[in-house]
Amino acid sequence: MDAVVAVHCVKSDIFQEGLSARIYENASENIMKMMLLESTFLQVYKKR
């Protein structure tokens, strides 16, 4: 019984890690997009 519980705990830990890694990837991607948009917006704004 203990072995099953241990495996379950490890699996959920790995799942949580994978989930947070994916969320982090999405967040950093969005931040990059925002920074890119901001820089292009500033360049266009300065030209006017």
PDB file of N, CA and C in Angstrom:
ATOM      1  N   MET A   1       0.835  -1.203   0.000  1.00  0.00           N
ATOM      2  CA  MET A   1       0.000   0.000   0.000  1.00  0.00           C
ATOM      3  C   MET A   1       0.869   1.252   0.000  1.00  0.00           C
ATOM      4  N   ASP A   2       1.901   1.249   0.822  1.00  0.00           N
ATOM      5  CA  ASP A   2       2.774   2.421   0.924  1.00  0.00           C
ATOM      6  C   ASP A   2       3.455   2.722  -0.409  1.00  0.00           C
ATOM      7  N   ALA A   3       3.854   1.662  -1.104  1.00  0.00           N
ATOM      8  CA  ALA A   3       4.534   1.841  -2.390  1.00  0.00           C
ATOM      9  C   ALA A   3       3.600   2.529  -3.386  1.00  0.00           C
ATOM     10  N   VAL A   4       2.343   2.122  -3.382  1.00  0.00           N
ATOM     11  CA  VAL A   4       1.363   2.717  -4.301  1.00  0.00           C
ATOM     12  C   VAL A   4       1.189   4.200  -3.993  1.00  0.00           C
ATOM     13  N   VAL A   5       1.087   4.517  -2.710  1.00  0.00           N
ATOM     14  CA  VAL A   5       0.929   5.916  -2.298  1.00  0.00           C
ATOM     15  C   VAL A   5       2.152   6.724  -2.713  1.00  0.00           C
ATOM     16  N   ALA A   6       3.338   6.148  -2.521  1.00  0.00           N
ATOM     17  CA  ALA A   6       4.576   6.834  -2.885  1.00  0.00           C
ATOM     18  C   ALA A   6       4.614   7.122  -4.381  1.00  0.00           C
ATOM     19  N   VAL A   7       4.264   6.125  -5.183  1.00  0.00           N
ATOM     20  CA  VAL A   7       4.253   6.300  -6.640  1.00  0.00           C
ATOM     21  C   VAL A   7       3.262   7.388  -7.021  1.00  0.00           C
ATOM     22  N   HIS A   8       2.098   7.366  -6.378  1.00  0.00           N
ATOM     23  CA  HIS A   8       1.072   8.371  -6.673  1.00  0.00           C
ATOM     24  C   HIS A   8       1.593   9.774  -6.354  1.00  0.00           C
ATOM     25  N   CYS A   9       2.270   9.909  -5.215  1.00  0.00           N
ATOM     26  CA  CYS A   9       2.818  11.210  -4.816  1.00  0.00           C
ATOM     27  C   CYS A   9       3.849  11.691  -5.831  1.00  0.00           C
ATOM     28  N   VAL A  10       4.732  10.802  -6.238  1.00  0.00           N
ATOM     29  CA  VAL A  10       5.771  11.165  -7.201  1.00  0.00           C
ATOM     30  C   VAL A  10       5.139  11.580  -8.519  1.00  0.00           C
ATOM     31  N   LYS A  11       4.132  10.812  -8.952  1.00  0.00           N
ATOM     32  CA  LYS A  11       3.456  11.131 -10.216  1.00  0.00           C
ATOM     33  C   LYS A  11       2.820  12.511 -10.157  1.00  0.00           C
ATOM     34  N   SER A  12       2.142  12.814  -9.049  1.00  0.00           N
ATOM     35  CA  SER A  12       1.473  14.109  -8.947  1.00  0.00           C
ATOM     36  C   SER A  12       2.505  15.234  -8.882  1.00  0.00           C
ATOM     37  N   ASP A  13       3.648  14.983  -8.232  1.00  0.00           N
ATOM     38  CA  ASP A  13       4.731  15.966  -8.189  1.00  0.00           C
ATOM     39  C   ASP A  13       5.229  16.266  -9.595  1.00  0.00           C
ATOM     40  N   ILE A  14       5.467  15.219 -10.368  1.00  0.00           N
ATOM     41  CA  ILE A  14       5.953  15.387 -11.743  1.00  0.00           C
ATOM     42  C   ILE A  14       4.913  16.136 -12.567  1.00  0.00           C
ATOM     43  N   PHE A  15       3.642  15.792 -12.350  1.00  0.00           N
ATOM     44  CA  PHE A  15       2.559  16.457 -13.075  1.00  0.00           C
ATOM     45  C   PHE A  15       2.534  17.944 -12.741  1.00  0.00           C
ATOM     46  N   GLN A  16       2.649  18.265 -11.445  1.00  0.00           N
ATOM     47  CA  GLN A  16       2.646  19.663 -11.015  1.00  0.00           C
ATOM     48  C   GLN A  16       3.817  20.415 -11.636  1.00  0.00           C
ATOM     49  N   GLU A  17       4.984  19.777 -11.632  1.00  0.00           N
ATOM     50  CA  GLU A  17       6.176  20.405 -12.202  1.00  0.00           C
ATOM     51  C   GLU A  17       5.983  20.674 -13.685  1.00  0.00           C
ATOM     52  N   GLY A  18       5.454  19.692 -14.392  1.00  0.00           N
ATOM     53  CA  GLY A  18       5.209  19.855 -15.820  1.00  0.00           C
ATOM     54  C   GLY A  18       4.209  20.961 -16.089  1.00  0.00           C
ATOM     55  N   LEU A  19       3.181  21.013 -15.244  1.00  0.00           N
ATOM     56  CA  LEU A  19       2.146  22.026 -15.394  1.00  0.00           C
ATOM     57  C   LEU A  19       2.729  23.415 -15.177  1.00  0.00           C
ATOM     58  N   SER A  20       3.476  23.590 -14.102  1.00  0.00           N
ATOM     59  CA  SER A  20       4.039  24.907 -13.809  1.00  0.00           C
ATOM     60  C   SER A  20       5.077  25.300 -14.855  1.00  0.00           C
ATOM     61  N   ALA A  21       5.807  24.318 -15.379  1.00  0.00           N
ATOM     62  CA  ALA A  21       6.778  24.602 -16.435  1.00  0.00           C
ATOM     63  C   ALA A  21       6.066  25.098 -17.681  1.00  0.00           C
ATOM     64  N   ARG A  22       4.946  24.467 -17.998  1.00  0.00           N
ATOM     65  CA  ARG A  22       4.183  24.876 -19.182  1.00  0.00           C
ATOM     66  C   ARG A  22       3.619  26.278 -18.983  1.00  0.00           C
ATOM     67  N   ILE A  23       3.086  26.531 -17.795  1.00  0.00           N
ATOM     68  CA  ILE A  23       2.546  27.862 -17.489  1.00  0.00           C
ATOM     69  C   ILE A  23       3.656  28.900 -17.595  1.00  0.00           C
ATOM     70  N   TYR A  24       4.840  28.559 -17.058  1.00  0.00           N
ATOM     71  CA  TYR A  24       5.972  29.483 -17.100  1.00  0.00           C
ATOM     72  C   TYR A  24       6.378  29.763 -18.543  1.00  0.00           C
ATOM     73  N   GLU A  25       6.395  28.723 -19.376  1.00  0.00           N
ATOM     74  CA  GLU A  25       6.741  28.897 -20.792  1.00  0.00           C
ATOM     75  C   GLU A  25       5.756  29.838 -21.467  1.00  0.00           C
ATOM     76  N   ASN A  26       4.472  29.613 -21.231  1.00  0.00           N
ATOM     77  CA  ASN A  26       3.439  30.468 -21.825  1.00  0.00           C
ATOM     78  C   ASN A  26       3.599  31.901 -21.346  1.00  0.00           C
ATOM     79  N   ALA A  27       3.858  32.067 -20.054  1.00  0.00           N
ATOM     80  CA  ALA A  27       4.000  33.407 -19.498  1.00  0.00           C
ATOM     81  C   ALA A  27       5.193  34.126 -20.113  1.00  0.00           C
ATOM     82  N   SER A  28       6.326  33.445 -20.210  1.00  0.00           N
ATOM     83  CA  SER A  28       7.519  34.083 -20.766  1.00  0.00           C
ATOM     84  C   SER A  28       7.315  34.400 -22.242  1.00  0.00           C
ATOM     85  N   GLU A  29       6.571  33.535 -22.941  1.00  0.00           N
ATOM     86  CA  GLU A  29       6.260  33.796 -24.346  1.00  0.00           C
ATOM     87  C   GLU A  29       5.415  35.057 -24.465  1.00  0.00           C
ATOM     88  N   ASN A  30       4.407  35.162 -23.607  1.00  0.00           N
ATOM     89  CA  ASN A  30       3.538  36.338 -23.628  1.00  0.00           C
ATOM     90  C   ASN A  30       4.315  37.596 -23.291  1.00  0.00           C
ATOM     91  N   ILE A  31       5.224  37.498 -22.326  1.00  0.00           N
ATOM     92  CA  ILE A  31       6.038  38.654 -21.948  1.00  0.00           C
ATOM     93  C   ILE A  31       6.901  39.087 -23.127  1.00  0.00           C
ATOM     94  N   MET A  32       7.492  38.111 -23.827  1.00  0.00           N
ATOM     95  CA  MET A  32       8.311  38.434 -24.996  1.00  0.00           C
ATOM     96  C   MET A  32       7.471  39.139 -26.055  1.00  0.00           C
ATOM     97  N   LYS A  33       6.267  38.625 -26.304  1.00  0.00           N
ATOM     98  CA  LYS A  33       5.383  39.240 -27.296  1.00  0.00           C
ATOM     99  C   LYS A  33       5.040  40.664 -26.889  1.00  0.00           C
ATOM    100  N   MET A  34       4.728  40.855 -25.606  1.00  0.00           N
ATOM    101  CA  MET A  34       4.380  42.184 -25.118  1.00  0.00           C
ATOM    102  C   MET A  34       5.547  43.145 -25.281  1.00  0.00           C
ATOM    103  N   MET A  35       6.753  42.679 -24.948  1.00  0.00           N
ATOM    104  CA  MET A  35       7.937  43.526 -25.079  1.00  0.00           C
ATOM    105  C   MET A  35       8.175  43.879 -26.543  1.00  0.00           C
ATOM    106  N   LEU A  36       7.982  42.906 -27.407  1.00  0.00           N
ATOM    107  CA  LEU A  36       8.161  43.132 -28.842  1.00  0.00           C
ATOM    108  C   LEU A  36       7.157  44.172 -29.338  1.00  0.00           C
ATOM    109  N   LEU A  37       5.895  43.999 -28.954  1.00  0.00           N
ATOM    110  CA  LEU A  37       4.855  44.953 -29.348  1.00  0.00           C
ATOM    111  C   LEU A  37       5.174  46.336 -28.808  1.00  0.00           C
ATOM    112  N   GLU A  38       5.608  46.388 -27.557  1.00  0.00           N
ATOM    113  CA  GLU A  38       5.901  47.667 -26.923  1.00  0.00           C
ATOM    114  C   GLU A  38       7.030  48.383 -27.651  1.00  0.00           C
ATOM    115  N   SER A  39       8.084  47.647 -27.992  1.00  0.00           N
ATOM    116  CA  SER A  39       9.232  48.268 -28.659  1.00  0.00           C
ATOM    117  C   SER A  39       8.842  48.774 -30.045  1.00  0.00           C
ATOM    118  N   THR A  40       8.048  48.003 -30.781  1.00  0.00           N
ATOM    119  CA  THR A  40       7.622  48.460 -32.111  1.00  0.00           C
ATOM    120  C   THR A  40       6.690  49.653 -31.972  1.00  0.00           C
ATOM    121  N   PHE A  41       5.836  49.619 -30.963  1.00  0.00           N
ATOM    122  CA  PHE A  41       4.923  50.739 -30.724  1.00  0.00           C
ATOM    123  C   PHE A  41       5.711  52.007 -30.411  1.00  0.00           C
ATOM    124  N   LEU A  42       6.736  51.879 -29.573  1.00  0.00           N
ATOM    125  CA  LEU A  42       7.556  53.039 -29.216  1.00  0.00           C
ATOM    126  C   LEU A  42       8.288  53.577 -30.436  1.00  0.00           C
ATOM    127  N   GLN A  43       8.801  52.691 -31.272  1.00  0.00           N
ATOM    128  CA  GLN A  43       9.511  53.121 -32.480  1.00  0.00           C
ATOM    129  C   GLN A  43       8.574  53.897 -33.396  1.00  0.00           C
ATOM    130  N   VAL A  44       7.376  53.378 -33.581  1.00  0.00           N
ATOM    131  CA  VAL A  44       6.394  54.054 -34.438  1.00  0.00           C
ATOM    132  C   VAL A  44       6.012  55.397 -33.822  1.00  0.00           C
ATOM    133  N   TYR A  45       5.854  55.397 -32.512  1.00  0.00           N
ATOM    134  CA  TYR A  45       5.425  56.607 -31.807  1.00  0.00           C
ATOM    135  C   TYR A  45       6.488  57.703 -31.903  1.00  0.00           C
ATOM    136  N   LYS A  46       7.753  57.306 -31.811  1.00  0.00           N
ATOM    137  CA  LYS A  46       8.848  58.279 -31.869  1.00  0.00           C
ATOM    138  C   LYS A  46       8.971  58.905 -33.257  1.00  0.00           C
ATOM    139  N   LYS A  47       8.625  58.150 -34.285  1.00  0.00           N
ATOM    140  CA  LYS A  47       8.746  58.661 -35.656  1.00  0.00           C
ATOM    141  C   LYS A  47       7.761  59.792 -35.925  1.00  0.00           C
ATOM    142  N   ARG A  48       6.626  59.772 -35.236  1.00  0.00           N
ATOM    143  CA  ARG A  48       5.580  60.772 -35.488  1.00  0.00           C
ATOM    144  C   ARG A  48       5.919  62.143 -35.000  1.00  0.00           C
TER     145      ARG A  48
END
